[in-house]
Amino acid sequence: MDAAAWDQRYSGKDLVWSGSANVFVEEIAGPMAPGRALDVAAGEGRNAVWLAERGWQVTASDFSPVAIERTREIASTRLGDHADAVRAVVADATEPAPADPSGTGYDLVLFSYLQVPRESWSRALAHGVAAAAPGGFVLVVAHALRNLDEGTGGPQEPSVLHDPEDILASAADLPVEVVSARLRHRDVEGAERPALDSVVLFRRRPA
């Protein structure tokens, strides 16, 4: 789907995604000391706002202007006078990432369900790593390819699904070390079996 198609999808009255942060983002980012974060392909900002509520300064980027406007509205509602903790900007994940306003790089770069073909994914990951500060983390949560046969829900197009080993392969030439890489089960309400997600945490090597 292109930006116009996502604009149309986000223009409805109801939220496209849950208003709650992803369970693996909560699990992994929750214990981290708040700093500067970049949420790539942030959609309506569910993870970005959750991070801001915990003291992070967050840049939320998405190529859908409608999604970005919705992120700003949700941030204003939930954060009130602290809504400026979320900087929502229109940006394509496959292009260089919006710069950290401090100029030092992001302490956390988040990819939560950016489901694009391998070539586009590799470009997006490279730009995300480049935006991270030395020692900063890059967290990837993605619908796994194995989810098609063994899980439930999610995109049904194999070319946009990535198992942990696929994500690791995309980072082979990038200046990162692998902190963890696992295939995780995620409970889905009303489903007979859980969804299968790839959850990978990188850390950018010091300069």
Protein backbone atom coordinates (compact mmCIF):
# COMPACT_ATOMS: atom_id res chain seq x y z
CA MET A 1 0.00 0.00 0.00
CA ASP A 2 1.23 3.50 -0.80
CA ALA A 3 0.83 6.64 1.32
CA ALA A 4 -2.47 7.60 -0.35
CA ALA A 5 -3.96 4.19 0.41
CA TRP A 6 -2.87 4.45 4.04
CA ASP A 7 -4.29 7.99 4.20
CA GLN A 8 -7.64 6.59 3.15
CA ARG A 9 -7.43 3.80 5.71
CA TYR A 10 -6.48 6.18 8.53
CA SER A 11 -9.20 8.69 7.62
CA GLY A 12 -11.96 6.63 9.23
CA LYS A 13 -13.52 7.56 12.54
CA ASP A 14 -12.14 4.58 14.45
CA LEU A 15 -8.53 3.75 15.20
CA VAL A 16 -6.96 1.37 12.70
CA TRP A 17 -4.73 -0.16 15.38
CA SER A 18 -5.10 -0.71 19.09
CA GLY A 19 -4.53 2.35 21.25
CA SER A 20 -2.24 0.29 23.48
CA ALA A 21 1.48 -0.15 22.92
CA ASN A 22 2.73 -3.40 21.48
CA VAL A 23 3.33 -5.99 24.20
CA PHE A 24 6.95 -6.55 23.17
CA VAL A 25 7.67 -2.82 23.06
CA GLU A 26 6.36 -2.60 26.61
CA GLU A 27 8.41 -5.60 27.71
CA ILE A 28 11.72 -4.47 26.21
CA ALA A 29 11.55 -0.67 26.26
CA GLY A 30 9.77 -0.47 29.60
CA PRO A 31 12.90 -1.11 31.72
CA MET A 32 15.05 1.26 29.64
CA ALA A 33 15.99 4.67 31.01
CA PRO A 34 14.01 7.31 29.08
CA GLY A 35 15.93 9.18 26.41
CA ARG A 36 15.38 10.10 22.79
CA ALA A 37 13.41 7.68 20.59
CA LEU A 38 12.47 7.38 16.93
CA ASP A 39 9.33 5.41 16.10
CA VAL A 40 9.58 4.50 12.40
CA ALA A 41 6.29 3.96 10.52
CA ALA A 42 4.54 4.97 13.71
CA GLY A 43 1.01 4.85 12.32
CA GLU A 44 -1.35 6.49 14.81
CA GLY A 45 1.42 6.73 17.38
CA ARG A 46 0.38 4.10 19.89
CA ASN A 47 3.98 3.20 20.78
CA ALA A 48 5.28 6.77 20.49
CA VAL A 49 2.70 8.14 22.93
CA TRP A 50 3.29 5.23 25.33
CA LEU A 51 7.01 6.01 25.34
CA ALA A 52 6.33 9.71 25.89
CA GLU A 53 4.12 8.88 28.86
CA ARG A 54 7.19 7.24 30.38
CA GLY A 55 9.46 10.22 29.94
CA TRP A 56 10.88 9.71 26.45
CA GLN A 57 11.26 12.47 23.88
CA VAL A 58 9.89 10.78 20.77
CA THR A 59 10.00 11.49 17.06
CA ALA A 60 7.15 9.60 15.38
CA SER A 61 7.48 9.29 11.60
CA ASP A 62 5.11 7.89 9.00
CA PHE A 63 4.59 8.45 5.30
CA SER A 64 0.85 8.98 5.79
CA PRO A 65 0.01 12.62 6.62
CA VAL A 66 -3.35 11.47 7.98
CA ALA A 67 -1.66 9.08 10.39
CA ILE A 68 0.69 11.82 11.55
CA GLU A 69 -2.19 14.20 12.19
CA ARG A 70 -3.94 11.49 14.18
CA THR A 71 -0.76 10.91 16.19
CA ARG A 72 -0.69 14.60 17.08
CA GLU A 73 -4.34 14.49 18.16
CA ILE A 74 -3.82 11.41 20.34
CA ALA A 75 -0.66 12.88 21.87
CA SER A 76 -2.54 16.08 22.70
CA THR A 77 -5.36 14.12 24.34
CA ARG A 78 -3.20 11.75 26.36
CA LEU A 79 -0.23 13.98 27.17
CA GLY A 80 -1.93 17.34 27.61
CA ASP A 81 0.62 20.03 28.40
CA HIS A 82 3.41 17.55 27.63
CA ALA A 83 2.21 16.78 24.09
CA ASP A 84 5.40 18.30 22.72
CA ALA A 85 7.20 15.17 23.97
CA VAL A 86 5.99 13.63 20.69
CA ARG A 87 7.28 15.24 17.50
CA ALA A 88 5.21 13.76 14.68
CA VAL A 89 6.64 14.17 11.17
CA VAL A 90 5.82 12.90 7.69
CA ALA A 91 8.70 10.74 6.45
CA ASP A 92 9.23 7.63 4.34
CA ALA A 93 10.88 4.76 6.23
CA THR A 94 13.00 3.88 3.19
CA GLU A 95 14.58 7.37 3.13
CA PRO A 96 17.05 8.84 5.67
CA ALA A 97 15.35 9.13 9.05
CA PRO A 98 14.36 12.46 10.61
CA ALA A 99 17.34 13.69 12.58
CA ASP A 100 17.35 13.67 16.34
CA PRO A 101 16.82 17.32 17.38
CA SER A 102 19.72 17.10 19.84
CA GLY A 103 22.08 16.11 17.05
CA THR A 104 23.51 13.17 19.03
CA GLY A 105 21.35 10.36 17.67
CA TYR A 106 18.50 8.37 19.16
CA ASP A 107 18.82 6.14 22.21
CA LEU A 108 16.08 3.90 20.79
CA VAL A 109 14.94 3.35 17.21
CA LEU A 110 11.74 1.34 16.96
CA PHE A 111 10.36 -0.61 14.03
CA SER A 112 6.96 -2.00 15.00
CA TYR A 113 5.34 -3.98 12.17
CA LEU A 114 6.95 -2.25 9.22
CA GLN A 115 5.99 -4.96 6.76
CA VAL A 116 7.62 -4.22 3.42
CA PRO A 117 9.54 -6.35 0.90
CA ARG A 118 13.12 -7.29 1.71
CA GLU A 119 14.86 -4.61 -0.35
CA SER A 120 12.76 -1.82 1.16
CA TRP A 121 13.13 -3.35 4.61
CA SER A 122 16.91 -3.46 4.32
CA ARG A 123 17.02 0.23 3.36
CA ALA A 124 14.73 1.17 6.23
CA LEU A 125 16.80 -0.77 8.75
CA ALA A 126 20.04 0.78 7.50
CA HIS A 127 18.58 4.28 7.87
CA GLY A 128 17.29 3.42 11.34
CA VAL A 129 20.67 2.17 12.48
CA ALA A 130 22.31 5.30 11.05
CA ALA A 131 19.92 7.42 13.14
CA ALA A 132 20.79 5.62 16.40
CA ALA A 133 23.38 7.03 18.76
CA PRO A 134 26.48 4.92 19.45
CA GLY A 135 25.36 2.48 22.13
CA GLY A 136 21.71 3.11 21.26
CA PHE A 137 19.20 0.33 20.69
CA VAL A 138 17.26 -0.66 17.58
CA LEU A 139 14.18 -2.74 18.35
CA VAL A 140 12.38 -4.64 15.60
CA VAL A 141 8.97 -6.26 16.04
CA ALA A 142 7.60 -7.87 12.87
CA HIS A 143 5.03 -10.35 11.69
CA ALA A 144 7.01 -13.51 11.03
CA LEU A 145 6.89 -15.54 7.84
CA ARG A 146 6.16 -18.61 9.94
CA ASN A 147 2.99 -16.87 11.09
CA LEU A 148 1.37 -17.75 7.75
CA ASP A 149 1.30 -21.47 8.52
CA GLU A 150 1.71 -21.61 12.27
CA GLY A 151 0.13 -18.44 13.65
CA THR A 152 -2.87 -16.23 13.13
CA GLY A 153 -3.72 -12.86 11.56
CA GLY A 154 -1.26 -10.43 10.07
CA PRO A 155 -0.43 -9.82 6.40
CA GLN A 156 -0.86 -12.79 4.10
CA GLU A 157 1.80 -11.77 1.56
CA PRO A 158 5.00 -13.77 2.19
CA SER A 159 7.30 -11.15 0.67
CA VAL A 160 6.61 -8.68 3.50
CA LEU A 161 7.02 -11.16 6.37
CA HIS A 162 10.35 -11.60 8.12
CA ASP A 163 11.53 -14.34 10.47
CA PRO A 164 14.26 -13.46 13.01
CA GLU A 165 17.00 -14.91 10.81
CA ASP A 166 15.83 -12.71 7.91
CA ILE A 167 16.12 -9.60 10.08
CA LEU A 168 19.57 -10.65 11.25
CA ALA A 169 20.64 -11.17 7.64
CA SER A 170 19.47 -7.65 6.80
CA ALA A 171 21.77 -6.29 9.51
CA ALA A 172 24.82 -8.37 8.60
CA ASP A 173 26.77 -5.41 7.22
CA LEU A 174 25.48 -2.80 9.66
CA PRO A 175 27.41 -1.51 12.71
CA VAL A 176 25.29 -3.34 15.27
CA GLU A 177 25.61 -6.20 17.72
CA VAL A 178 22.72 -8.55 18.38
CA VAL A 179 21.32 -8.37 21.91
CA SER A 180 18.50 -10.86 21.33
CA ALA A 181 16.58 -12.42 18.43
CA ARG A 182 13.58 -14.63 19.03
CA LEU A 183 10.37 -15.86 17.50
CA ARG A 184 7.70 -14.91 20.04
CA HIS A 185 4.08 -15.93 20.57
CA ARG A 186 1.57 -13.09 20.94
CA ASP A 187 -1.93 -13.84 22.19
CA VAL A 188 -4.74 -12.61 19.93
CA GLU A 189 -8.18 -12.14 21.44
CA GLY A 190 -10.68 -14.61 20.04
CA ALA A 191 -8.08 -16.58 18.06
CA GLU A 192 -7.51 -20.28 18.58
CA ARG A 193 -3.73 -19.93 18.36
CA PRO A 194 -1.26 -17.10 18.97
CA ALA A 195 0.37 -14.92 16.36
CA LEU A 196 4.08 -15.42 15.69
CA ASP A 197 6.24 -12.30 15.80
CA SER A 198 9.94 -11.77 15.20
CA VAL A 199 11.41 -9.71 18.02
CA VAL A 200 15.00 -8.58 17.52
CA LEU A 201 17.01 -6.13 19.59
CA PHE A 202 20.22 -4.63 18.25
CA ARG A 203 22.66 -2.26 19.84
CA ARG A 204 24.65 0.15 17.70
CA ARG A 205 28.35 -0.31 18.14
CA PRO A 206 30.23 2.58 19.78
CA ALA A 207 32.00 4.87 17.34
